[in-house]
Amino acid sequence: MEQIRIDEIARRLFESVPPALRGMQQDLEANFRAVLRSSLAKLDMVTRDEFDAQTKVLERTRAKLEALEEKVRALEGLAAGTSPTGPAGAPGSSAGNDVIDPGL
């Protein structure tokens, strides 16, 4: 998180402190900043630019996946229509058998 935002959050926290404790302003602000930085550093965060870049990668990947799924469906349809046990190559049928029996 940017330094400005941390300072803004620390300032808002300080403003919520009762007036009797505001005499320790510098100490409180420094402690607020330290706690905020420490807590935010523990979070697994990315910048907005990184997030947007990964979103675009995901969109392209999904589009490629959908295209590949469509190709697989088309190929499965082709394979189902021309399989050796299908109508053209059914056992006992002579369709697709161009072998000449020399014994005839």
PDB file of N, CA and C in Angstrom:
ATOM      1  N   MET A   1       0.862  -1.171   0.000  1.00  0.00           N
ATOM      2  CA  MET A   1       0.000   0.000   0.000  1.00  0.00           C
ATOM      3  C   MET A   1       0.902   1.226   0.000  1.00  0.00           C
ATOM      4  N   GLU A   2       0.465   2.257  -0.635  1.00  0.00           N
ATOM      5  CA  GLU A   2       1.280   3.458  -0.744  1.00  0.00           C
ATOM      6  C   GLU A   2       1.459   4.136   0.608  1.00  0.00           C
ATOM      7  N   GLN A   3       2.577   4.852   0.725  1.00  0.00           N
ATOM      8  CA  GLN A   3       2.891   5.567   1.972  1.00  0.00           C
ATOM      9  C   GLN A   3       1.794   6.572   2.313  1.00  0.00           C
ATOM     10  N   ILE A   4       1.246   7.232   1.311  1.00  0.00           N
ATOM     11  CA  ILE A   4       0.209   8.247   1.541  1.00  0.00           C
ATOM     12  C   ILE A   4      -1.025   7.611   2.180  1.00  0.00           C
ATOM     13  N   ARG A   5      -1.411   6.459   1.698  1.00  0.00           N
ATOM     14  CA  ARG A   5      -2.605   5.810   2.252  1.00  0.00           C
ATOM     15  C   ARG A   5      -2.365   5.365   3.682  1.00  0.00           C
ATOM     16  N   ILE A   6      -1.185   4.858   3.963  1.00  0.00           N
ATOM     17  CA  ILE A   6      -0.873   4.450   5.339  1.00  0.00           C
ATOM     18  C   ILE A   6      -0.916   5.661   6.257  1.00  0.00           C
ATOM     19  N   ASP A   7      -0.329   6.769   5.805  1.00  0.00           N
ATOM     20  CA  ASP A   7      -0.358   7.993   6.606  1.00  0.00           C
ATOM     21  C   ASP A   7      -1.794   8.475   6.827  1.00  0.00           C
ATOM     22  N   GLU A   8      -2.620   8.370   5.801  1.00  0.00           N
ATOM     23  CA  GLU A   8      -4.023   8.796   5.918  1.00  0.00           C
ATOM     24  C   GLU A   8      -4.765   7.919   6.920  1.00  0.00           C
ATOM     25  N   ILE A   9      -4.551   6.623   6.863  1.00  0.00           N
ATOM     26  CA  ILE A   9      -5.209   5.719   7.808  1.00  0.00           C
ATOM     27  C   ILE A   9      -4.725   6.003   9.225  1.00  0.00           C
ATOM     28  N   ALA A  10      -3.423   6.225   9.388  1.00  0.00           N
ATOM     29  CA  ALA A  10      -2.867   6.521  10.714  1.00  0.00           C
ATOM     30  C   ALA A  10      -3.459   7.833  11.250  1.00  0.00           C
ATOM     31  N   ARG A  11      -3.606   8.813  10.378  1.00  0.00           N
ATOM     32  CA  ARG A  11      -4.184  10.094  10.799  1.00  0.00           C
ATOM     33  C   ARG A  11      -5.629   9.908  11.257  1.00  0.00           C
ATOM     34  N   ARG A  12      -6.396   9.116  10.517  1.00  0.00           N
ATOM     35  CA  ARG A  12      -7.797   8.872  10.892  1.00  0.00           C
ATOM     36  C   ARG A  12      -7.879   8.133  12.229  1.00  0.00           C
ATOM     37  N   LEU A  13      -6.997   7.172  12.422  1.00  0.00           N
ATOM     38  CA  LEU A  13      -6.972   6.471  13.704  1.00  0.00           C
ATOM     39  C   LEU A  13      -6.647   7.437  14.836  1.00  0.00           C
ATOM     40  N   PHE A  14      -5.682   8.302  14.593  1.00  0.00           N
ATOM     41  CA  PHE A  14      -5.291   9.271  15.621  1.00  0.00           C
ATOM     42  C   PHE A  14      -6.451  10.205  15.959  1.00  0.00           C
ATOM     43  N   GLU A  15      -7.215  10.613  14.954  1.00  0.00           N
ATOM     44  CA  GLU A  15      -8.353  11.501  15.196  1.00  0.00           C
ATOM     45  C   GLU A  15      -9.433  10.827  16.031  1.00  0.00           C
ATOM     46  N   SER A  16      -9.471   9.504  16.004  1.00  0.00           N
ATOM     47  CA  SER A  16     -10.486   8.800  16.790  1.00  0.00           C
ATOM     48  C   SER A  16     -10.056   8.591  18.245  1.00  0.00           C
ATOM     49  N   VAL A  17      -8.816   8.954  18.552  1.00  0.00           N
ATOM     50  CA  VAL A  17      -8.304   8.821  19.927  1.00  0.00           C
ATOM     51  C   VAL A  17      -8.886   9.942  20.783  1.00  0.00           C
ATOM     52  N   PRO A  18      -9.239   9.660  22.011  1.00  0.00           N
ATOM     53  CA  PRO A  18      -9.777  10.701  22.899  1.00  0.00           C
ATOM     54  C   PRO A  18      -8.781  11.866  23.057  1.00  0.00           C
ATOM     55  N   PRO A  19      -9.301  13.084  23.192  1.00  0.00           N
ATOM     56  CA  PRO A  19      -8.437  14.265  23.276  1.00  0.00           C
ATOM     57  C   PRO A  19      -7.408  14.197  24.402  1.00  0.00           C
ATOM     58  N   ALA A  20      -7.699  13.543  25.490  1.00  0.00           N
ATOM     59  CA  ALA A  20      -6.756  13.465  26.608  1.00  0.00           C
ATOM     60  C   ALA A  20      -5.468  12.744  26.207  1.00  0.00           C
ATOM     61  N   LEU A  21      -5.549  11.830  25.247  1.00  0.00           N
ATOM     62  CA  LEU A  21      -4.375  11.072  24.822  1.00  0.00           C
ATOM     63  C   LEU A  21      -3.644  11.704  23.641  1.00  0.00           C
ATOM     64  N   ARG A  22      -4.208  12.742  23.084  1.00  0.00           N
ATOM     65  CA  ARG A  22      -3.610  13.348  21.892  1.00  0.00           C
ATOM     66  C   ARG A  22      -2.289  14.052  22.185  1.00  0.00           C
ATOM     67  N   GLY A  23      -1.974  14.237  23.439  1.00  0.00           N
ATOM     68  CA  GLY A  23      -0.700  14.861  23.790  1.00  0.00           C
ATOM     69  C   GLY A  23       0.479  13.987  23.372  1.00  0.00           C
ATOM     70  N   MET A  24       0.235  12.734  23.219  1.00  0.00           N
ATOM     71  CA  MET A  24       1.280  11.805  22.784  1.00  0.00           C
ATOM     72  C   MET A  24       1.163  11.568  21.274  1.00  0.00           C
ATOM     73  N   GLN A  25       0.860  12.590  20.538  1.00  0.00           N
ATOM     74  CA  GLN A  25       0.559  12.491  19.110  1.00  0.00           C
ATOM     75  C   GLN A  25       1.648  11.786  18.313  1.00  0.00           C
ATOM     76  N   GLN A  26       2.867  12.209  18.447  1.00  0.00           N
ATOM     77  CA  GLN A  26       3.940  11.631  17.634  1.00  0.00           C
ATOM     78  C   GLN A  26       4.119  10.145  17.926  1.00  0.00           C
ATOM     79  N   ASP A  27       4.081   9.790  19.200  1.00  0.00           N
ATOM     80  CA  ASP A  27       4.238   8.374  19.562  1.00  0.00           C
ATOM     81  C   ASP A  27       3.084   7.535  19.017  1.00  0.00           C
ATOM     82  N   LEU A  28       1.873   8.055  19.174  1.00  0.00           N
ATOM     83  CA  LEU A  28       0.705   7.310  18.686  1.00  0.00           C
ATOM     84  C   LEU A  28       0.742   7.151  17.163  1.00  0.00           C
ATOM     85  N   GLU A  29       1.038   8.241  16.455  1.00  0.00           N
ATOM     86  CA  GLU A  29       1.086   8.154  14.994  1.00  0.00           C
ATOM     87  C   GLU A  29       2.163   7.181  14.538  1.00  0.00           C
ATOM     88  N   ALA A  30       3.310   7.229  15.178  1.00  0.00           N
ATOM     89  CA  ALA A  30       4.399   6.307  14.810  1.00  0.00           C
ATOM     90  C   ALA A  30       3.984   4.858  15.077  1.00  0.00           C
ATOM     91  N   ASN A  31       3.331   4.645  16.210  1.00  0.00           N
ATOM     92  CA  ASN A  31       2.866   3.284  16.521  1.00  0.00           C
ATOM     93  C   ASN A  31       1.780   2.819  15.560  1.00  0.00           C
ATOM     94  N   PHE A  32       0.848   3.702  15.225  1.00  0.00           N
ATOM     95  CA  PHE A  32      -0.192   3.355  14.256  1.00  0.00           C
ATOM     96  C   PHE A  32       0.437   2.963  12.920  1.00  0.00           C
ATOM     97  N   ARG A  33       1.376   3.760  12.451  1.00  0.00           N
ATOM     98  CA  ARG A  33       2.040   3.465  11.174  1.00  0.00           C
ATOM     99  C   ARG A  33       2.765   2.119  11.236  1.00  0.00           C
ATOM    100  N   ALA A  34       3.477   1.880  12.321  1.00  0.00           N
ATOM    101  CA  ALA A  34       4.224   0.620  12.456  1.00  0.00           C
ATOM    102  C   ALA A  34       3.285  -0.585  12.448  1.00  0.00           C
ATOM    103  N   VAL A  35       2.193  -0.478  13.187  1.00  0.00           N
ATOM    104  CA  VAL A  35       1.226  -1.575  13.241  1.00  0.00           C
ATOM    105  C   VAL A  35       0.585  -1.782  11.873  1.00  0.00           C
ATOM    106  N   LEU A  36       0.211  -0.709  11.212  1.00  0.00           N
ATOM    107  CA  LEU A  36      -0.403  -0.827   9.893  1.00  0.00           C
ATOM    108  C   LEU A  36       0.557  -1.456   8.891  1.00  0.00           C
ATOM    109  N   ARG A  37       1.788  -0.977   8.849  1.00  0.00           N
ATOM    110  CA  ARG A  37       2.775  -1.538   7.910  1.00  0.00           C
ATOM    111  C   ARG A  37       2.996  -3.017   8.185  1.00  0.00           C
ATOM    112  N   SER A  38       3.131  -3.369   9.450  1.00  0.00           N
ATOM    113  CA  SER A  38       3.362  -4.765   9.820  1.00  0.00           C
ATOM    114  C   SER A  38       2.175  -5.638   9.412  1.00  0.00           C
ATOM    115  N   SER A  39       0.983  -5.175   9.700  1.00  0.00           N
ATOM    116  CA  SER A  39      -0.217  -5.950   9.372  1.00  0.00           C
ATOM    117  C   SER A  39      -0.401  -6.077   7.869  1.00  0.00           C
ATOM    118  N   LEU A  40      -0.197  -4.995   7.157  1.00  0.00           N
ATOM    119  CA  LEU A  40      -0.375  -5.040   5.706  1.00  0.00           C
ATOM    120  C   LEU A  40       0.710  -5.860   5.024  1.00  0.00           C
ATOM    121  N   ALA A  41       1.899  -5.881   5.582  1.00  0.00           N
ATOM    122  CA  ALA A  41       2.990  -6.659   4.998  1.00  0.00           C
ATOM    123  C   ALA A  41       2.703  -8.156   5.084  1.00  0.00           C
ATOM    124  N   LYS A  42       1.924  -8.562   6.077  1.00  0.00           N
ATOM    125  CA  LYS A  42       1.595  -9.973   6.243  1.00  0.00           C
ATOM    126  C   LYS A  42       0.561 -10.446   5.231  1.00  0.00           C
ATOM    127  N   LEU A  43      -0.203  -9.526   4.686  1.00  0.00           N
ATOM    128  CA  LEU A  43      -1.232  -9.890   3.724  1.00  0.00           C
ATOM    129  C   LEU A  43      -0.608 -10.208   2.379  1.00  0.00           C
ATOM    130  N   ASP A  44      -1.198 -11.146   1.681  1.00  0.00           N
ATOM    131  CA  ASP A  44      -0.725 -11.526   0.360  1.00  0.00           C
ATOM    132  C   ASP A  44      -1.462 -10.665  -0.666  1.00  0.00           C
ATOM    133  N   MET A  45      -0.931  -9.477  -0.928  1.00  0.00           N
ATOM    134  CA  MET A  45      -1.612  -8.518  -1.785  1.00  0.00           C
ATOM    135  C   MET A  45      -0.804  -8.263  -3.055  1.00  0.00           C
ATOM    136  N   VAL A  46      -1.502  -7.883  -4.113  1.00  0.00           N
ATOM    137  CA  VAL A  46      -0.853  -7.501  -5.364  1.00  0.00           C
ATOM    138  C   VAL A  46      -1.322  -6.101  -5.730  1.00  0.00           C
ATOM    139  N   THR A  47      -0.577  -5.477  -6.618  1.00  0.00           N
ATOM    140  CA  THR A  47      -0.980  -4.146  -7.081  1.00  0.00           C
ATOM    141  C   THR A  47      -2.158  -4.278  -8.030  1.00  0.00           C
ATOM    142  N   ARG A  48      -2.821  -3.186  -8.263  1.00  0.00           N
ATOM    143  CA  ARG A  48      -3.962  -3.183  -9.178  1.00  0.00           C
ATOM    144  C   ARG A  48      -3.516  -3.557 -10.591  1.00  0.00           C
ATOM    145  N   ASP A  49      -2.339  -3.075 -10.993  1.00  0.00           N
ATOM    146  CA  ASP A  49      -1.820  -3.396 -12.325  1.00  0.00           C
ATOM    147  C   ASP A  49      -1.591  -4.898 -12.474  1.00  0.00           C
ATOM    148  N   GLU A  50      -1.011  -5.519 -11.454  1.00  0.00           N
ATOM    149  CA  GLU A  50      -0.781  -6.962 -11.498  1.00  0.00           C
ATOM    150  C   GLU A  50      -2.107  -7.716 -11.564  1.00  0.00           C
ATOM    151  N   PHE A  51      -3.074  -7.250 -10.796  1.00  0.00           N
ATOM    152  CA  PHE A  51      -4.392  -7.889 -10.791  1.00  0.00           C
ATOM    153  C   PHE A  51      -5.049  -7.786 -12.165  1.00  0.00           C
ATOM    154  N   ASP A  52      -4.997  -6.596 -12.766  1.00  0.00           N
ATOM    155  CA  ASP A  52      -5.586  -6.397 -14.094  1.00  0.00           C
ATOM    156  C   ASP A  52      -4.891  -7.256 -15.137  1.00  0.00           C
ATOM    157  N   ALA A  53      -3.568  -7.369 -15.052  1.00  0.00           N
ATOM    158  CA  ALA A  53      -2.823  -8.196 -16.002  1.00  0.00           C
ATOM    159  C   ALA A  53      -3.234  -9.662 -15.876  1.00  0.00           C
ATOM    160  N   GLN A  54      -3.371 -10.149 -14.656  1.00  0.00           N
ATOM    161  CA  GLN A  54      -3.776 -11.536 -14.457  1.00  0.00           C
ATOM    162  C   GLN A  54      -5.215 -11.774 -14.903  1.00  0.00           C
ATOM    163  N   THR A  55      -6.066 -10.769 -14.772  1.00  0.00           N
ATOM    164  CA  THR A  55      -7.447 -10.885 -15.244  1.00  0.00           C
ATOM    165  C   THR A  55      -7.468 -11.062 -16.760  1.00  0.00           C
ATOM    166  N   LYS A  56      -6.633 -10.288 -17.466  1.00  0.00           N
ATOM    167  CA  LYS A  56      -6.553 -10.414 -18.928  1.00  0.00           C
ATOM    168  C   LYS A  56      -6.024 -11.784 -19.332  1.00  0.00           C
ATOM    169  N   VAL A  57      -5.024 -12.285 -18.612  1.00  0.00           N
ATOM    170  CA  VAL A  57      -4.484 -13.616 -18.906  1.00  0.00           C
ATOM    171  C   VAL A  57      -5.577 -14.666 -18.713  1.00  0.00           C
ATOM    172  N   LEU A  58      -6.336 -14.543 -17.645  1.00  0.00           N
ATOM    173  CA  LEU A  58      -7.419 -15.484 -17.380  1.00  0.00           C
ATOM    174  C   LEU A  58      -8.477 -15.429 -18.482  1.00  0.00           C
ATOM    175  N   GLU A  59      -8.832 -14.247 -18.935  1.00  0.00           N
ATOM    176  CA  GLU A  59      -9.826 -14.115 -20.010  1.00  0.00           C
ATOM    177  C   GLU A  59      -9.338 -14.792 -21.286  1.00  0.00           C
ATOM    178  N   ARG A  60      -8.053 -14.582 -21.644  1.00  0.00           N
ATOM    179  CA  ARG A  60      -7.500 -15.225 -22.846  1.00  0.00           C
ATOM    180  C   ARG A  60      -7.466 -16.741 -22.684  1.00  0.00           C
ATOM    181  N   THR A  61      -7.122 -17.200 -21.493  1.00  0.00           N
ATOM    182  CA  THR A  61      -7.064 -18.638 -21.242  1.00  0.00           C
ATOM    183  C   THR A  61      -8.447 -19.258 -21.356  1.00  0.00           C
ATOM    184  N   ARG A  62      -9.444 -18.583 -20.822  1.00  0.00           N
ATOM    185  CA  ARG A  62     -10.818 -19.100 -20.921  1.00  0.00           C
ATOM    186  C   ARG A  62     -11.268 -19.171 -22.374  1.00  0.00           C
ATOM    187  N   ALA A  63     -10.931 -18.148 -23.165  1.00  0.00           N
ATOM    188  CA  ALA A  63     -11.309 -18.141 -24.582  1.00  0.00           C
ATOM    189  C   ALA A  63     -10.632 -19.299 -25.316  1.00  0.00           C
ATOM    190  N   LYS A  64      -9.351 -19.533 -25.026  1.00  0.00           N
ATOM    191  CA  LYS A  64      -8.646 -20.649 -25.660  1.00  0.00           C
ATOM    192  C   LYS A  64      -9.248 -21.984 -25.243  1.00  0.00           C
ATOM    193  N   LEU A  65      -9.593 -22.104 -23.965  1.00  0.00           N
ATOM    194  CA  LEU A  65     -10.200 -23.334 -23.473  1.00  0.00           C
ATOM    195  C   LEU A  65     -11.529 -23.602 -24.172  1.00  0.00           C
ATOM    196  N   GLU A  66     -12.346 -22.580 -24.322  1.00  0.00           N
ATOM    197  CA  GLU A  66     -13.630 -22.744 -25.004  1.00  0.00           C
ATOM    198  C   GLU A  66     -13.430 -23.161 -26.452  1.00  0.00           C
ATOM    199  N   ALA A  67     -12.437 -22.582 -27.133  1.00  0.00           N
ATOM    200  CA  ALA A  67     -12.151 -22.946 -28.519  1.00  0.00           C
ATOM    201  C   ALA A  67     -11.685 -24.404 -28.600  1.00  0.00           C
ATOM    202  N   LEU A  68     -10.827 -24.800 -27.670  1.00  0.00           N
ATOM    203  CA  LEU A  68     -10.351 -26.182 -27.664  1.00  0.00           C
ATOM    204  C   LEU A  68     -11.479 -27.166 -27.353  1.00  0.00           C
ATOM    205  N   GLU A  69     -12.355 -26.801 -26.438  1.00  0.00           N
ATOM    206  CA  GLU A  69     -13.504 -27.666 -26.134  1.00  0.00           C
ATOM    207  C   GLU A  69     -14.372 -27.849 -27.365  1.00  0.00           C
ATOM    208  N   GLU A  70     -14.575 -26.787 -28.126  1.00  0.00           N
ATOM    209  CA  GLU A  70     -15.381 -26.867 -29.346  1.00  0.00           C
ATOM    210  C   GLU A  70     -14.699 -27.771 -30.379  1.00  0.00           C
ATOM    211  N   LYS A  71     -13.390 -27.658 -30.512  1.00  0.00           N
ATOM    212  CA  LYS A  71     -12.660 -28.519 -31.442  1.00  0.00           C
ATOM    213  C   LYS A  71     -12.764 -29.980 -31.026  1.00  0.00           C
ATOM    214  N   VAL A  72     -12.652 -30.245 -29.724  1.00  0.00           N
ATOM    215  CA  VAL A  72     -12.761 -31.616 -29.231  1.00  0.00           C
ATOM    216  C   VAL A  72     -14.149 -32.167 -29.539  1.00  0.00           C
ATOM    217  N   ARG A  73     -15.188 -31.360 -29.314  1.00  0.00           N
ATOM    218  CA  ARG A  73     -16.554 -31.816 -29.626  1.00  0.00           C
ATOM    219  C   ARG A  73     -16.691 -32.127 -31.114  1.00  0.00           C
ATOM    220  N   ALA A  74     -16.116 -31.278 -31.961  1.00  0.00           N
ATOM    221  CA  ALA A  74     -16.192 -31.506 -33.407  1.00  0.00           C
ATOM    222  C   ALA A  74     -15.440 -32.778 -33.790  1.00  0.00           C
ATOM    223  N   LEU A  75     -14.258 -32.964 -33.226  1.00  0.00           N
ATOM    224  CA  LEU A  75     -13.486 -34.170 -33.527  1.00  0.00           C
ATOM    225  C   LEU A  75     -14.166 -35.427 -33.003  1.00  0.00           C
ATOM    226  N   GLU A  76     -14.777 -35.334 -31.847  1.00  0.00           N
ATOM    227  CA  GLU A  76     -15.515 -36.479 -31.315  1.00  0.00           C
ATOM    228  C   GLU A  76     -16.695 -36.825 -32.217  1.00  0.00           C
ATOM    229  N   GLY A  77     -17.344 -35.784 -32.744  1.00  0.00           N
ATOM    230  CA  GLY A  77     -18.456 -36.007 -33.671  1.00  0.00           C
ATOM    231  C   GLY A  77     -17.982 -36.671 -34.946  1.00  0.00           C
ATOM    232  N   LEU A  78     -16.850 -36.227 -35.456  1.00  0.00           N
ATOM    233  CA  LEU A  78     -16.280 -36.848 -36.649  1.00  0.00           C
ATOM    234  C   LEU A  78     -15.897 -38.293 -36.375  1.00  0.00           C
ATOM    235  N   ALA A  79     -15.257 -38.517 -35.257  1.00  0.00           N
ATOM    236  CA  ALA A  79     -14.818 -39.870 -34.914  1.00  0.00           C
ATOM    237  C   ALA A  79     -16.011 -40.791 -34.729  1.00  0.00           C
ATOM    238  N   ALA A  80     -17.078 -40.312 -34.178  1.00  0.00           N
ATOM    239  CA  ALA A  80     -18.261 -41.140 -33.966  1.00  0.00           C
ATOM    240  C   ALA A  80     -18.908 -41.504 -35.301  1.00  0.00           C
ATOM    241  N   GLY A  81     -18.848 -40.636 -36.285  1.00  0.00           N
ATOM    242  CA  GLY A  81     -19.465 -40.882 -37.579  1.00  0.00           C
ATOM    243  C   GLY A  81     -18.621 -41.750 -38.490  1.00  0.00           C
ATOM    244  N   THR A  82     -17.339 -41.881 -38.267  1.00  0.00           N
ATOM    245  CA  THR A  82     -16.473 -42.643 -39.168  1.00  0.00           C
ATOM    246  C   THR A  82     -15.712 -43.745 -38.470  1.00  0.00           C
ATOM    247  N   SER A  83     -16.209 -44.192 -37.337  1.00  0.00           N
ATOM    248  CA  SER A  83     -15.500 -45.241 -36.608  1.00  0.00           C
ATOM    249  C   SER A  83     -15.627 -46.577 -37.338  1.00  0.00           C
ATOM    250  N   PRO A  84     -14.690 -47.503 -37.156  1.00  0.00           N
ATOM    251  CA  PRO A  84     -14.723 -48.792 -37.842  1.00  0.00           C
ATOM    252  C   PRO A  84     -15.969 -49.605 -37.516  1.00  0.00           C
ATOM    253  N   THR A  85     -16.572 -49.384 -36.373  1.00  0.00           N
ATOM    254  CA  THR A  85     -17.791 -50.125 -36.038  1.00  0.00           C
ATOM    255  C   THR A  85     -19.031 -49.327 -36.395  1.00  0.00           C
ATOM    256  N   GLY A  86     -18.819 -48.151 -37.002  1.00  0.00           N
ATOM    257  CA  GLY A  86     -19.941 -47.319 -37.412  1.00  0.00           C
ATOM    258  C   GLY A  86     -20.590 -47.860 -38.671  1.00  0.00           C
ATOM    259  N   PRO A  87     -21.515 -47.120 -39.265  1.00  0.00           N
ATOM    260  CA  PRO A  87     -22.286 -47.581 -40.416  1.00  0.00           C
ATOM    261  C   PRO A  87     -21.417 -47.950 -41.608  1.00  0.00           C
ATOM    262  N   ALA A  88     -20.371 -47.186 -41.920  1.00  0.00           N
ATOM    263  CA  ALA A  88     -19.572 -47.454 -43.104  1.00  0.00           C
ATOM    264  C   ALA A  88     -18.679 -48.665 -42.914  1.00  0.00           C
ATOM    265  N   GLY A  89     -18.241 -48.914 -41.734  1.00  0.00           N
ATOM    266  CA  GLY A  89     -17.321 -50.014 -41.507  1.00  0.00           C
ATOM    267  C   GLY A  89     -17.914 -51.111 -40.655  1.00  0.00           C
ATOM    268  N   ALA A  90     -19.221 -51.264 -40.673  1.00  0.00           N
ATOM    269  CA  ALA A  90     -19.874 -52.273 -39.842  1.00  0.00           C
ATOM    270  C   ALA A  90     -19.462 -53.663 -40.296  1.00  0.00           C
ATOM    271  N   PRO A  91     -19.299 -54.561 -39.339  1.00  0.00           N
ATOM    272  CA  PRO A  91     -18.926 -55.924 -39.709  1.00  0.00           C
ATOM    273  C   PRO A  91     -19.956 -56.524 -40.653  1.00  0.00           C
ATOM    274  N   GLY A  92     -19.440 -57.183 -41.696  1.00  0.00           N
ATOM    275  CA  GLY A  92     -20.346 -57.807 -42.659  1.00  0.00           C
ATOM    276  C   GLY A  92     -20.696 -56.897 -43.808  1.00  0.00           C
ATOM    277  N   SER A  93     -20.380 -55.627 -43.726  1.00  0.00           N
ATOM    278  CA  SER A  93     -20.680 -54.732 -44.835  1.00  0.00           C
ATOM    279  C   SER A  93     -19.448 -54.617 -45.699  1.00  0.00           C
ATOM    280  N   SER A  94     -19.622 -54.399 -46.975  1.00  0.00           N
ATOM    281  CA  SER A  94     -18.481 -54.307 -47.877  1.00  0.00           C
ATOM    282  C   SER A  94     -18.102 -52.868 -48.136  1.00  0.00           C
ATOM    283  N   ALA A  95     -18.794 -51.957 -47.524  1.00  0.00           N
ATOM    284  CA  ALA A  95     -18.502 -50.540 -47.732  1.00  0.00           C
ATOM    285  C   ALA A  95     -17.137 -50.223 -47.177  1.00  0.00           C
ATOM    286  N   GLY A  96     -16.327 -49.572 -47.979  1.00  0.00           N
ATOM    287  CA  GLY A  96     -15.011 -49.172 -47.536  1.00  0.00           C
ATOM    288  C   GLY A  96     -13.984 -50.281 -47.685  1.00  0.00           C
ATOM    289  N   ASN A  97     -14.350 -51.469 -48.136  1.00  0.00           N
ATOM    290  CA  ASN A  97     -13.401 -52.565 -48.332  1.00  0.00           C
ATOM    291  C   ASN A  97     -13.096 -52.678 -49.818  1.00  0.00           C
ATOM    292  N   ASP A  98     -11.967 -52.193 -50.226  1.00  0.00           N
ATOM    293  CA  ASP A  98     -11.576 -52.228 -51.627  1.00  0.00           C
ATOM    294  C   ASP A  98     -10.576 -53.343 -51.895  1.00  0.00           C
ATOM    295  N   VAL A  99     -10.513 -54.313 -51.032  1.00  0.00           N
ATOM    296  CA  VAL A  99      -9.588 -55.423 -51.211  1.00  0.00           C
ATOM    297  C   VAL A  99     -10.227 -56.441 -52.132  1.00  0.00           C
ATOM    298  N   ILE A 100      -9.501 -56.831 -53.151  1.00  0.00           N
ATOM    299  CA  ILE A 100     -10.012 -57.838 -54.128  1.00  0.00           C
ATOM    300  C   ILE A 100      -9.469 -59.190 -53.717  1.00  0.00           C
ATOM    301  N   ASP A 101     -10.363 -60.166 -53.629  1.00  0.00           N
ATOM    302  CA  ASP A 101      -9.945 -61.512 -53.251  1.00  0.00           C
ATOM    303  C   ASP A 101      -9.402 -62.204 -54.501  1.00  0.00           C
ATOM    304  N   PRO A 102      -8.104 -62.529 -54.480  1.00  0.00           N
ATOM    305  CA  PRO A 102      -7.508 -63.142 -55.680  1.00  0.00           C
ATOM    306  C   PRO A 102      -8.051 -64.542 -55.955  1.00  0.00           C
ATOM    307  N   GLY A 103      -8.691 -65.163 -55.011  1.00  0.00           N
ATOM    308  CA  GLY A 103      -9.212 -66.509 -55.202  1.00  0.00           C
ATOM    309  C   GLY A 103     -10.509 -66.529 -55.971  1.00  0.00           C
ATOM    310  N   LEU A 104     -11.104 -65.417 -56.330  1.00  0.00           N
ATOM    311  CA  LEU A 104     -12.388 -65.412 -57.034  1.00  0.00           C
ATOM    312  C   LEU A 104     -12.225 -65.488 -58.504  1.00  0.00           C
TER     313      LEU A 104
END
